[in-house]
Amino acid sequence: MISGQSMSLGAPASSLNGTAPRCEHLDGLAPVRPLSADCRDCQDGADRQAALVVCLTCGWVACTDDSPNQHARAHYEETDHPVAAGLQPGTRRRWCYVHQRLV
């Protein structure tokens, strides 16, 4: 079998992302350290943070799209840093803003 193909001729092989296509935005990411323990943009307000993610490009911590202010999405729109990961220890959830899916 040719590397990168499945048993179906011409169909790309599935990746570690399950059946989703491989996300090239994960290539070359170096480990980052979160710059804070919570969303700095929410610290000034009383809004509830549903969950936090860390930008895998720069370490910025922000609230997710489930939060009222969606600061992680705003960070992506401002910086074009494509992938964020859950901030909870041991989580493997990563979201690609470019592909709009888990990776």
C-alpha atoms as a PDB file:
ATOM      1  CA  MET A   1       0.000   0.000   0.000  1.00  0.00           C
ATOM      2  CA  ILE A   2       1.210   3.501  -0.802  1.00  0.00           C
ATOM      3  CA  SER A   3       1.858   5.605   2.288  1.00  0.00           C
ATOM      4  CA  GLY A   4      -0.947   8.122   2.878  1.00  0.00           C
ATOM      5  CA  GLN A   5      -3.616   6.074   1.070  1.00  0.00           C
ATOM      6  CA  SER A   6      -6.267   3.762   2.433  1.00  0.00           C
ATOM      7  CA  MET A   7      -7.523   0.546   0.913  1.00  0.00           C
ATOM      8  CA  SER A   8      -9.852   2.627  -1.288  1.00  0.00           C
ATOM      9  CA  LEU A   9      -7.826   3.812  -4.231  1.00  0.00           C
ATOM     10  CA  GLY A  10      -6.904   7.470  -3.873  1.00  0.00           C
ATOM     11  CA  ALA A  11      -8.632   8.014  -0.508  1.00  0.00           C
ATOM     12  CA  PRO A  12      -6.359   9.551   2.128  1.00  0.00           C
ATOM     13  CA  ALA A  13      -5.584   7.410   5.141  1.00  0.00           C
ATOM     14  CA  SER A  14      -7.105   8.440   8.423  1.00  0.00           C
ATOM     15  CA  SER A  15      -4.795  10.062  10.931  1.00  0.00           C
ATOM     16  CA  LEU A  16      -4.416  10.145  14.679  1.00  0.00           C
ATOM     17  CA  ASN A  17      -7.424  12.470  14.518  1.00  0.00           C
ATOM     18  CA  GLY A  18      -9.639   9.437  13.862  1.00  0.00           C
ATOM     19  CA  THR A  19     -11.424   9.605  10.533  1.00  0.00           C
ATOM     20  CA  ALA A  20     -10.839  13.353  10.201  1.00  0.00           C
ATOM     21  CA  PRO A  21      -8.204  14.459   7.713  1.00  0.00           C
ATOM     22  CA  ARG A  22      -4.804  15.269   9.127  1.00  0.00           C
ATOM     23  CA  CYS A  23      -4.423  18.891  10.296  1.00  0.00           C
ATOM     24  CA  GLU A  24      -1.216  20.483   9.016  1.00  0.00           C
ATOM     25  CA  HIS A  25      -1.608  23.279  11.578  1.00  0.00           C
ATOM     26  CA  LEU A  26      -0.237  20.869  14.205  1.00  0.00           C
ATOM     27  CA  ASP A  27       3.057  20.578  12.302  1.00  0.00           C
ATOM     28  CA  GLY A  28       5.951  22.416  13.868  1.00  0.00           C
ATOM     29  CA  LEU A  29       4.159  23.457  17.052  1.00  0.00           C
ATOM     30  CA  ALA A  30       6.622  23.710  19.921  1.00  0.00           C
ATOM     31  CA  PRO A  31       5.489  23.115  23.498  1.00  0.00           C
ATOM     32  CA  VAL A  32       4.166  26.288  25.110  1.00  0.00           C
ATOM     33  CA  ARG A  33       3.618  27.254  28.708  1.00  0.00           C
ATOM     34  CA  PRO A  34       0.278  28.918  29.529  1.00  0.00           C
ATOM     35  CA  LEU A  35       0.831  32.612  30.251  1.00  0.00           C
ATOM     36  CA  SER A  36      -1.873  32.693  32.948  1.00  0.00           C
ATOM     37  CA  ALA A  37      -4.309  30.501  34.863  1.00  0.00           C
ATOM     38  CA  ASP A  38      -7.432  32.227  33.564  1.00  0.00           C
ATOM     39  CA  CYS A  39      -8.731  34.471  30.801  1.00  0.00           C
ATOM     40  CA  ARG A  40      -7.069  37.864  31.245  1.00  0.00           C
ATOM     41  CA  ASP A  41      -9.736  39.546  29.133  1.00  0.00           C
ATOM     42  CA  CYS A  42     -12.488  38.252  31.451  1.00  0.00           C
ATOM     43  CA  GLN A  43     -10.688  39.253  34.679  1.00  0.00           C
ATOM     44  CA  ASP A  44     -12.125  42.759  34.509  1.00  0.00           C
ATOM     45  CA  GLY A  45     -15.743  41.621  34.088  1.00  0.00           C
ATOM     46  CA  ALA A  46     -18.156  39.406  35.959  1.00  0.00           C
ATOM     47  CA  ASP A  47     -18.823  37.084  33.008  1.00  0.00           C
ATOM     48  CA  ARG A  48     -18.750  33.357  33.632  1.00  0.00           C
ATOM     49  CA  GLN A  49     -15.978  31.460  31.849  1.00  0.00           C
ATOM     50  CA  ALA A  50     -17.364  28.164  30.523  1.00  0.00           C
ATOM     51  CA  ALA A  51     -13.944  26.677  29.773  1.00  0.00           C
ATOM     52  CA  LEU A  52     -10.419  27.812  29.065  1.00  0.00           C
ATOM     53  CA  VAL A  53      -7.999  26.996  26.268  1.00  0.00           C
ATOM     54  CA  VAL A  54      -4.370  27.813  25.646  1.00  0.00           C
ATOM     55  CA  CYS A  55      -3.075  28.982  22.270  1.00  0.00           C
ATOM     56  CA  LEU A  56      -0.546  26.394  21.094  1.00  0.00           C
ATOM     57  CA  THR A  57       1.406  29.053  19.215  1.00  0.00           C
ATOM     58  CA  CYS A  58       2.018  31.614  21.968  1.00  0.00           C
ATOM     59  CA  GLY A  59       0.559  30.337  25.267  1.00  0.00           C
ATOM     60  CA  TRP A  60      -2.252  32.930  25.547  1.00  0.00           C
ATOM     61  CA  VAL A  61      -5.072  31.658  27.776  1.00  0.00           C
ATOM     62  CA  ALA A  62      -8.646  32.617  26.890  1.00  0.00           C
ATOM     63  CA  CYS A  63     -12.266  31.568  27.326  1.00  0.00           C
ATOM     64  CA  THR A  64     -13.842  29.298  24.709  1.00  0.00           C
ATOM     65  CA  ASP A  65     -16.739  29.794  22.314  1.00  0.00           C
ATOM     66  CA  ASP A  66     -19.017  28.428  25.053  1.00  0.00           C
ATOM     67  CA  SER A  67     -18.273  31.552  27.100  1.00  0.00           C
ATOM     68  CA  PRO A  68     -20.169  34.815  26.551  1.00  0.00           C
ATOM     69  CA  ASN A  69     -17.119  36.742  25.300  1.00  0.00           C
ATOM     70  CA  GLN A  70     -15.374  34.062  23.185  1.00  0.00           C
ATOM     71  CA  HIS A  71     -11.923  35.536  23.791  1.00  0.00           C
ATOM     72  CA  ALA A  72     -10.083  32.516  22.332  1.00  0.00           C
ATOM     73  CA  ARG A  73     -11.814  33.068  18.974  1.00  0.00           C
ATOM     74  CA  ALA A  74     -11.006  36.790  19.202  1.00  0.00           C
ATOM     75  CA  HIS A  75      -7.342  35.874  19.806  1.00  0.00           C
ATOM     76  CA  TYR A  76      -7.357  33.669  16.690  1.00  0.00           C
ATOM     77  CA  GLU A  77      -9.004  36.391  14.600  1.00  0.00           C
ATOM     78  CA  GLU A  78      -6.410  38.925  15.770  1.00  0.00           C
ATOM     79  CA  THR A  79      -3.299  36.757  15.484  1.00  0.00           C
ATOM     80  CA  ASP A  80      -4.125  33.910  13.034  1.00  0.00           C
ATOM     81  CA  HIS A  81      -2.742  31.415  15.588  1.00  0.00           C
ATOM     82  CA  PRO A  82      -4.691  28.362  14.401  1.00  0.00           C
ATOM     83  CA  VAL A  83      -4.791  25.791  17.234  1.00  0.00           C
ATOM     84  CA  ALA A  84      -5.851  25.936  20.874  1.00  0.00           C
ATOM     85  CA  ALA A  85      -5.917  23.153  23.472  1.00  0.00           C
ATOM     86  CA  GLY A  86      -7.932  22.605  26.611  1.00  0.00           C
ATOM     87  CA  LEU A  87      -6.194  24.064  29.645  1.00  0.00           C
ATOM     88  CA  GLN A  88      -7.176  21.269  32.042  1.00  0.00           C
ATOM     89  CA  PRO A  89      -4.225  18.985  32.937  1.00  0.00           C
ATOM     90  CA  GLY A  90      -4.216  15.802  30.887  1.00  0.00           C
ATOM     91  CA  THR A  91      -6.688  17.021  28.268  1.00  0.00           C
ATOM     92  CA  ARG A  92      -5.964  16.088  24.679  1.00  0.00           C
ATOM     93  CA  ARG A  93      -8.684  18.256  23.128  1.00  0.00           C
ATOM     94  CA  ARG A  94      -7.307  20.575  20.466  1.00  0.00           C
ATOM     95  CA  TRP A  95      -9.358  22.872  18.248  1.00  0.00           C
ATOM     96  CA  CYS A  96      -8.254  24.161  14.865  1.00  0.00           C
ATOM     97  CA  TYR A  97      -9.925  27.490  14.127  1.00  0.00           C
ATOM     98  CA  VAL A  98      -8.981  27.266  10.450  1.00  0.00           C
ATOM     99  CA  HIS A  99     -10.668  23.884   9.924  1.00  0.00           C
ATOM    100  CA  GLN A 100     -13.347  24.549  12.576  1.00  0.00           C
ATOM    101  CA  ARG A 101     -12.949  21.089  14.117  1.00  0.00           C
ATOM    102  CA  LEU A 102     -11.238  19.059  16.798  1.00  0.00           C
ATOM    103  CA  VAL A 103      -7.783  17.850  15.787  1.00  0.00           C
END
